[in-house]
Amino acid sequence: MELFTEAVTPPRRVIMASEVCRTEDTLLYDVVQDVAGDTVRVVGSFVLRDGLIWRHTSLAVPVDS
């Protein structure tokens, strides 16, 4: 729970961001961030409906060494 709290509270700094896949209404992403001194990799998606975010998913995954 502590990592989650830190992940949604500044300071956060994006180290690397890459777009994995994009269609008209879906964006899959892969972001490596520095969250309170820890390196965290987050993959997720945004699904848009009528110009608004209809669904957002995200998952923290291990950072490759």
PDB file of N, CA and C in Angstrom:
ATOM      1  N   MET A   1       0.818  -1.188   0.000  1.00  0.00           N
ATOM      2  CA  MET A   1       0.000   0.000   0.000  1.00  0.00           C
ATOM      3  C   MET A   1       0.868   1.262   0.000  1.00  0.00           C
ATOM      4  N   GLU A   2       2.014   1.189   0.623  1.00  0.00           N
ATOM      5  CA  GLU A   2       2.887   2.360   0.681  1.00  0.00           C
ATOM      6  C   GLU A   2       3.351   2.757  -0.714  1.00  0.00           C
ATOM      7  N   LEU A   3       3.722   1.768  -1.564  1.00  0.00           N
ATOM      8  CA  LEU A   3       4.157   2.072  -2.927  1.00  0.00           C
ATOM      9  C   LEU A   3       3.022   2.713  -3.710  1.00  0.00           C
ATOM     10  N   PHE A   4       1.783   2.228  -3.529  1.00  0.00           N
ATOM     11  CA  PHE A   4       0.639   2.816  -4.213  1.00  0.00           C
ATOM     12  C   PHE A   4       0.470   4.279  -3.805  1.00  0.00           C
ATOM     13  N   THR A   5       0.542   4.546  -2.523  1.00  0.00           N
ATOM     14  CA  THR A   5       0.401   5.916  -2.030  1.00  0.00           C
ATOM     15  C   THR A   5       1.473   6.812  -2.630  1.00  0.00           C
ATOM     16  N   GLU A   6       2.711   6.320  -2.688  1.00  0.00           N
ATOM     17  CA  GLU A   6       3.797   7.097  -3.278  1.00  0.00           C
ATOM     18  C   GLU A   6       3.605   7.273  -4.783  1.00  0.00           C
ATOM     19  N   ALA A   7       3.014   6.262  -5.438  1.00  0.00           N
ATOM     20  CA  ALA A   7       2.836   6.323  -6.886  1.00  0.00           C
ATOM     21  C   ALA A   7       1.808   7.374  -7.295  1.00  0.00           C
ATOM     22  N   VAL A   8       0.839   7.648  -6.442  1.00  0.00           N
ATOM     23  CA  VAL A   8      -0.189   8.630  -6.794  1.00  0.00           C
ATOM     24  C   VAL A   8       0.084   9.996  -6.181  1.00  0.00           C
ATOM     25  N   THR A   9       1.177  10.122  -5.463  1.00  0.00           N
ATOM     26  CA  THR A   9       1.544  11.380  -4.819  1.00  0.00           C
ATOM     27  C   THR A   9       2.903  11.826  -5.349  1.00  0.00           C
ATOM     28  N   PRO A  10       3.054  13.101  -5.715  1.00  0.00           N
ATOM     29  CA  PRO A  10       4.380  13.568  -6.153  1.00  0.00           C
ATOM     30  C   PRO A  10       5.400  13.343  -5.048  1.00  0.00           C
ATOM     31  N   PRO A  11       6.685  13.259  -5.310  1.00  0.00           N
ATOM     32  CA  PRO A  11       7.304  13.505  -6.603  1.00  0.00           C
ATOM     33  C   PRO A  11       7.399  12.242  -7.455  1.00  0.00           C
ATOM     34  N   ARG A  12       7.085  12.383  -8.739  1.00  0.00           N
ATOM     35  CA  ARG A  12       7.258  11.337  -9.741  1.00  0.00           C
ATOM     36  C   ARG A  12       7.998  11.941 -10.916  1.00  0.00           C
ATOM     37  N   ARG A  13       8.848  11.161 -11.529  1.00  0.00           N
ATOM     38  CA  ARG A  13       9.570  11.641 -12.708  1.00  0.00           C
ATOM     39  C   ARG A  13       9.607  10.515 -13.725  1.00  0.00           C
ATOM     40  N   VAL A  14       9.145  10.792 -14.929  1.00  0.00           N
ATOM     41  CA  VAL A  14       9.171   9.796 -15.997  1.00  0.00           C
ATOM     42  C   VAL A  14      10.602   9.669 -16.498  1.00  0.00           C
ATOM     43  N   ILE A  15      11.109   8.448 -16.464  1.00  0.00           N
ATOM     44  CA  ILE A  15      12.458   8.166 -16.953  1.00  0.00           C
ATOM     45  C   ILE A  15      12.410   7.811 -18.431  1.00  0.00           C
ATOM     46  N   MET A  16      11.435   6.971 -18.803  1.00  0.00           N
ATOM     47  CA  MET A  16      11.293   6.533 -20.191  1.00  0.00           C
ATOM     48  C   MET A  16       9.827   6.213 -20.443  1.00  0.00           C
ATOM     49  N   ALA A  17       9.319   6.646 -21.566  1.00  0.00           N
ATOM     50  CA  ALA A  17       7.945   6.324 -21.946  1.00  0.00           C
ATOM     51  C   ALA A  17       7.949   5.838 -23.380  1.00  0.00           C
ATOM     52  N   SER A  18       7.210   4.759 -23.620  1.00  0.00           N
ATOM     53  CA  SER A  18       7.098   4.264 -24.990  1.00  0.00           C
ATOM     54  C   SER A  18       5.664   3.844 -25.261  1.00  0.00           C
ATOM     55  N   GLU A  19       5.221   4.150 -26.446  1.00  0.00           N
ATOM     56  CA  GLU A  19       3.897   3.746 -26.871  1.00  0.00           C
ATOM     57  C   GLU A  19       4.019   2.357 -27.470  1.00  0.00           C
ATOM     58  N   VAL A  20       3.212   1.428 -26.980  1.00  0.00           N
ATOM     59  CA  VAL A  20       3.297   0.057 -27.459  1.00  0.00           C
ATOM     60  C   VAL A  20       2.357  -0.151 -28.633  1.00  0.00           C
ATOM     61  N   CYS A  21       1.116   0.318 -28.491  1.00  0.00           N
ATOM     62  CA  CYS A  21       0.125   0.110 -29.531  1.00  0.00           C
ATOM     63  C   CYS A  21      -0.926   1.207 -29.439  1.00  0.00           C
ATOM     64  N   ARG A  22      -1.374   1.665 -30.600  1.00  0.00           N
ATOM     65  CA  ARG A  22      -2.393   2.710 -30.615  1.00  0.00           C
ATOM     66  C   ARG A  22      -3.390   2.437 -31.727  1.00  0.00           C
ATOM     67  N   THR A  23      -4.666   2.533 -31.414  1.00  0.00           N
ATOM     68  CA  THR A  23      -5.728   2.464 -32.411  1.00  0.00           C
ATOM     69  C   THR A  23      -6.541   3.741 -32.280  1.00  0.00           C
ATOM     70  N   GLU A  24      -7.670   3.812 -32.954  1.00  0.00           N
ATOM     71  CA  GLU A  24      -8.491   5.016 -32.880  1.00  0.00           C
ATOM     72  C   GLU A  24      -8.946   5.319 -31.464  1.00  0.00           C
ATOM     73  N   ASP A  25      -9.235   4.285 -30.670  1.00  0.00           N
ATOM     74  CA  ASP A  25      -9.797   4.537 -29.337  1.00  0.00           C
ATOM     75  C   ASP A  25      -9.041   3.889 -28.189  1.00  0.00           C
ATOM     76  N   THR A  26      -7.868   3.300 -28.464  1.00  0.00           N
ATOM     77  CA  THR A  26      -7.127   2.616 -27.400  1.00  0.00           C
ATOM     78  C   THR A  26      -5.637   2.945 -27.499  1.00  0.00           C
ATOM     79  N   LEU A  27      -5.038   3.201 -26.351  1.00  0.00           N
ATOM     80  CA  LEU A  27      -3.603   3.435 -26.268  1.00  0.00           C
ATOM     81  C   LEU A  27      -3.035   2.518 -25.198  1.00  0.00           C
ATOM     82  N   LEU A  28      -2.081   1.685 -25.573  1.00  0.00           N
ATOM     83  CA  LEU A  28      -1.349   0.849 -24.621  1.00  0.00           C
ATOM     84  C   LEU A  28      -0.008   1.523 -24.388  1.00  0.00           C
ATOM     85  N   TYR A  29       0.428   1.564 -23.141  1.00  0.00           N
ATOM     86  CA  TYR A  29       1.674   2.273 -22.840  1.00  0.00           C
ATOM     87  C   TYR A  29       2.556   1.483 -21.890  1.00  0.00           C
ATOM     88  N   ASP A  30       3.831   1.869 -21.885  1.00  0.00           N
ATOM     89  CA  ASP A  30       4.856   1.267 -21.036  1.00  0.00           C
ATOM     90  C   ASP A  30       5.725   2.420 -20.546  1.00  0.00           C
ATOM     91  N   VAL A  31       5.705   2.694 -19.235  1.00  0.00           N
ATOM     92  CA  VAL A  31       6.404   3.848 -18.668  1.00  0.00           C
ATOM     93  C   VAL A  31       7.292   3.392 -17.521  1.00  0.00           C
ATOM     94  N   VAL A  32       8.519   3.875 -17.504  1.00  0.00           N
ATOM     95  CA  VAL A  32       9.411   3.653 -16.369  1.00  0.00           C
ATOM     96  C   VAL A  32       9.507   4.990 -15.645  1.00  0.00           C
ATOM     97  N   GLN A  33       9.225   4.978 -14.336  1.00  0.00           N
ATOM     98  CA  GLN A  33       9.204   6.200 -13.544  1.00  0.00           C
ATOM     99  C   GLN A  33      10.111   6.064 -12.330  1.00  0.00           C
ATOM    100  N   ASP A  34      10.559   7.223 -11.864  1.00  0.00           N
ATOM    101  CA  ASP A  34      11.214   7.309 -10.564  1.00  0.00           C
ATOM    102  C   ASP A  34      10.135   7.784  -9.601  1.00  0.00           C
ATOM    103  N   VAL A  35       9.763   6.919  -8.652  1.00  0.00           N
ATOM    104  CA  VAL A  35       8.731   7.247  -7.668  1.00  0.00           C
ATOM    105  C   VAL A  35       9.394   7.259  -6.302  1.00  0.00           C
ATOM    106  N   ALA A  36       9.575   8.451  -5.767  1.00  0.00           N
ATOM    107  CA  ALA A  36      10.173   8.614  -4.438  1.00  0.00           C
ATOM    108  C   ALA A  36      11.484   7.835  -4.303  1.00  0.00           C
ATOM    109  N   GLY A  37      12.314   7.887  -5.358  1.00  0.00           N
ATOM    110  CA  GLY A  37      13.623   7.238  -5.308  1.00  0.00           C
ATOM    111  C   GLY A  37      13.653   5.797  -5.765  1.00  0.00           C
ATOM    112  N   ASP A  38      12.504   5.188  -6.047  1.00  0.00           N
ATOM    113  CA  ASP A  38      12.440   3.811  -6.541  1.00  0.00           C
ATOM    114  C   ASP A  38      12.064   3.815  -8.016  1.00  0.00           C
ATOM    115  N   THR A  39      12.684   2.928  -8.797  1.00  0.00           N
ATOM    116  CA  THR A  39      12.340   2.795 -10.206  1.00  0.00           C
ATOM    117  C   THR A  39      11.172   1.838 -10.332  1.00  0.00           C
ATOM    118  N   VAL A  40      10.100   2.301 -10.992  1.00  0.00           N
ATOM    119  CA  VAL A  40       8.872   1.528 -11.142  1.00  0.00           C
ATOM    120  C   VAL A  40       8.488   1.523 -12.613  1.00  0.00           C
ATOM    121  N   ARG A  41       8.145   0.339 -13.134  1.00  0.00           N
ATOM    122  CA  ARG A  41       7.669   0.217 -14.514  1.00  0.00           C
ATOM    123  C   ARG A  41       6.169  -0.023 -14.474  1.00  0.00           C
ATOM    124  N   VAL A  42       5.428   0.748 -15.263  1.00  0.00           N
ATOM    125  CA  VAL A  42       3.972   0.633 -15.291  1.00  0.00           C
ATOM    126  C   VAL A  42       3.539   0.427 -16.735  1.00  0.00           C
ATOM    127  N   VAL A  43       2.735  -0.607 -16.971  1.00  0.00           N
ATOM    128  CA  VAL A  43       2.115  -0.809 -18.281  1.00  0.00           C
ATOM    129  C   VAL A  43       0.615  -0.667 -18.097  1.00  0.00           C
ATOM    130  N   GLY A  44      -0.033  -0.158 -19.108  1.00  0.00           N
ATOM    131  CA  GLY A  44      -1.468   0.036 -18.960  1.00  0.00           C
ATOM    132  C   GLY A  44      -2.124   0.435 -20.256  1.00  0.00           C
ATOM    133  N   SER A  45      -3.386   0.841 -20.146  1.00  0.00           N
ATOM    134  CA  SER A  45      -4.144   1.229 -21.326  1.00  0.00           C
ATOM    135  C   SER A  45      -5.150   2.312 -20.990  1.00  0.00           C
ATOM    136  N   PHE A  46      -5.476   3.078 -22.014  1.00  0.00           N
ATOM    137  CA  PHE A  46      -6.571   4.034 -21.966  1.00  0.00           C
ATOM    138  C   PHE A  46      -7.519   3.666 -23.099  1.00  0.00           C
ATOM    139  N   VAL A  47      -8.797   3.556 -22.797  1.00  0.00           N
ATOM    140  CA  VAL A  47      -9.813   3.358 -23.823  1.00  0.00           C
ATOM    141  C   VAL A  47     -10.690   4.603 -23.816  1.00  0.00           C
ATOM    142  N   LEU A  48     -10.836   5.214 -24.981  1.00  0.00           N
ATOM    143  CA  LEU A  48     -11.590   6.456 -25.095  1.00  0.00           C
ATOM    144  C   LEU A  48     -12.967   6.206 -25.693  1.00  0.00           C
ATOM    145  N   ARG A  49     -13.947   6.915 -25.193  1.00  0.00           N
ATOM    146  CA  ARG A  49     -15.309   6.912 -25.738  1.00  0.00           C
ATOM    147  C   ARG A  49     -15.784   8.360 -25.763  1.00  0.00           C
ATOM    148  N   ASP A  50     -16.208   8.823 -26.916  1.00  0.00           N
ATOM    149  CA  ASP A  50     -16.712  10.195 -27.058  1.00  0.00           C
ATOM    150  C   ASP A  50     -15.710  11.234 -26.549  1.00  0.00           C
ATOM    151  N   GLY A  51     -14.425  10.990 -26.787  1.00  0.00           N
ATOM    152  CA  GLY A  51     -13.394  11.940 -26.400  1.00  0.00           C
ATOM    153  C   GLY A  51     -13.025  11.940 -24.929  1.00  0.00           C
ATOM    154  N   LEU A  52     -13.590  11.026 -24.159  1.00  0.00           N
ATOM    155  CA  LEU A  52     -13.305  10.941 -22.724  1.00  0.00           C
ATOM    156  C   LEU A  52     -12.681   9.596 -22.399  1.00  0.00           C
ATOM    157  N   ILE A  53     -11.951   9.529 -21.295  1.00  0.00           N
ATOM    158  CA  ILE A  53     -11.390   8.250 -20.859  1.00  0.00           C
ATOM    159  C   ILE A  53     -12.527   7.403 -20.309  1.00  0.00           C
ATOM    160  N   TRP A  54     -12.813   6.316 -20.993  1.00  0.00           N
ATOM    161  CA  TRP A  54     -13.886   5.411 -20.595  1.00  0.00           C
ATOM    162  C   TRP A  54     -13.352   4.354 -19.633  1.00  0.00           C
ATOM    163  N   ARG A  55     -12.138   3.884 -19.895  1.00  0.00           N
ATOM    164  CA  ARG A  55     -11.523   2.877 -19.033  1.00  0.00           C
ATOM    165  C   ARG A  55     -10.018   3.087 -19.019  1.00  0.00           C
ATOM    166  N   HIS A  56      -9.436   2.945 -17.839  1.00  0.00           N
ATOM    167  CA  HIS A  56      -7.990   3.049 -17.673  1.00  0.00           C
ATOM    168  C   HIS A  56      -7.539   1.856 -16.854  1.00  0.00           C
ATOM    169  N   THR A  57      -6.520   1.172 -17.324  1.00  0.00           N
ATOM    170  CA  THR A  57      -5.947   0.063 -16.567  1.00  0.00           C
ATOM    171  C   THR A  57      -4.457   0.326 -16.409  1.00  0.00           C
ATOM    172  N   SER A  58      -3.869  -0.180 -15.332  1.00  0.00           N
ATOM    173  CA  SER A  58      -2.419  -0.083 -15.160  1.00  0.00           C
ATOM    174  C   SER A  58      -1.952  -1.177 -14.225  1.00  0.00           C
ATOM    175  N   LEU A  59      -0.707  -1.569 -14.420  1.00  0.00           N
ATOM    176  CA  LEU A  59      -0.120  -2.645 -13.642  1.00  0.00           C
ATOM    177  C   LEU A  59       1.361  -2.370 -13.476  1.00  0.00           C
ATOM    178  N   ALA A  60       1.850  -2.441 -12.267  1.00  0.00           N
ATOM    179  CA  ALA A  60       3.287  -2.316 -12.011  1.00  0.00           C
ATOM    180  C   ALA A  60       3.932  -3.673 -12.293  1.00  0.00           C
ATOM    181  N   VAL A  61       5.017  -3.647 -13.021  1.00  0.00           N
ATOM    182  CA  VAL A  61       5.738  -4.887 -13.368  1.00  0.00           C
ATOM    183  C   VAL A  61       7.202  -4.714 -12.989  1.00  0.00           C
ATOM    184  N   PRO A  62       7.923  -5.822 -12.811  1.00  0.00           N
ATOM    185  CA  PRO A  62       9.335  -5.714 -12.450  1.00  0.00           C
ATOM    186  C   PRO A  62      10.133  -4.944 -13.510  1.00  0.00           C
ATOM    187  N   VAL A  63      11.088  -4.169 -13.049  1.00  0.00           N
ATOM    188  CA  VAL A  63      11.967  -3.430 -13.950  1.00  0.00           C
ATOM    189  C   VAL A  63      13.088  -4.365 -14.367  1.00  0.00           C
ATOM    190  N   ASP A  64      13.341  -4.433 -15.701  1.00  0.00           N
ATOM    191  CA  ASP A  64      14.423  -5.282 -16.191  1.00  0.00           C
ATOM    192  C   ASP A  64      15.757  -4.781 -15.675  1.00  0.00           C
ATOM    193  N   SER A  65      16.609  -5.701 -15.278  1.00  0.00           N
ATOM    194  CA  SER A  65      17.923  -5.331 -14.739  1.00  0.00           C
ATOM    195  C   SER A  65      18.884  -5.009 -15.847  1.00  0.00           C
TER     196      SER A  65
END
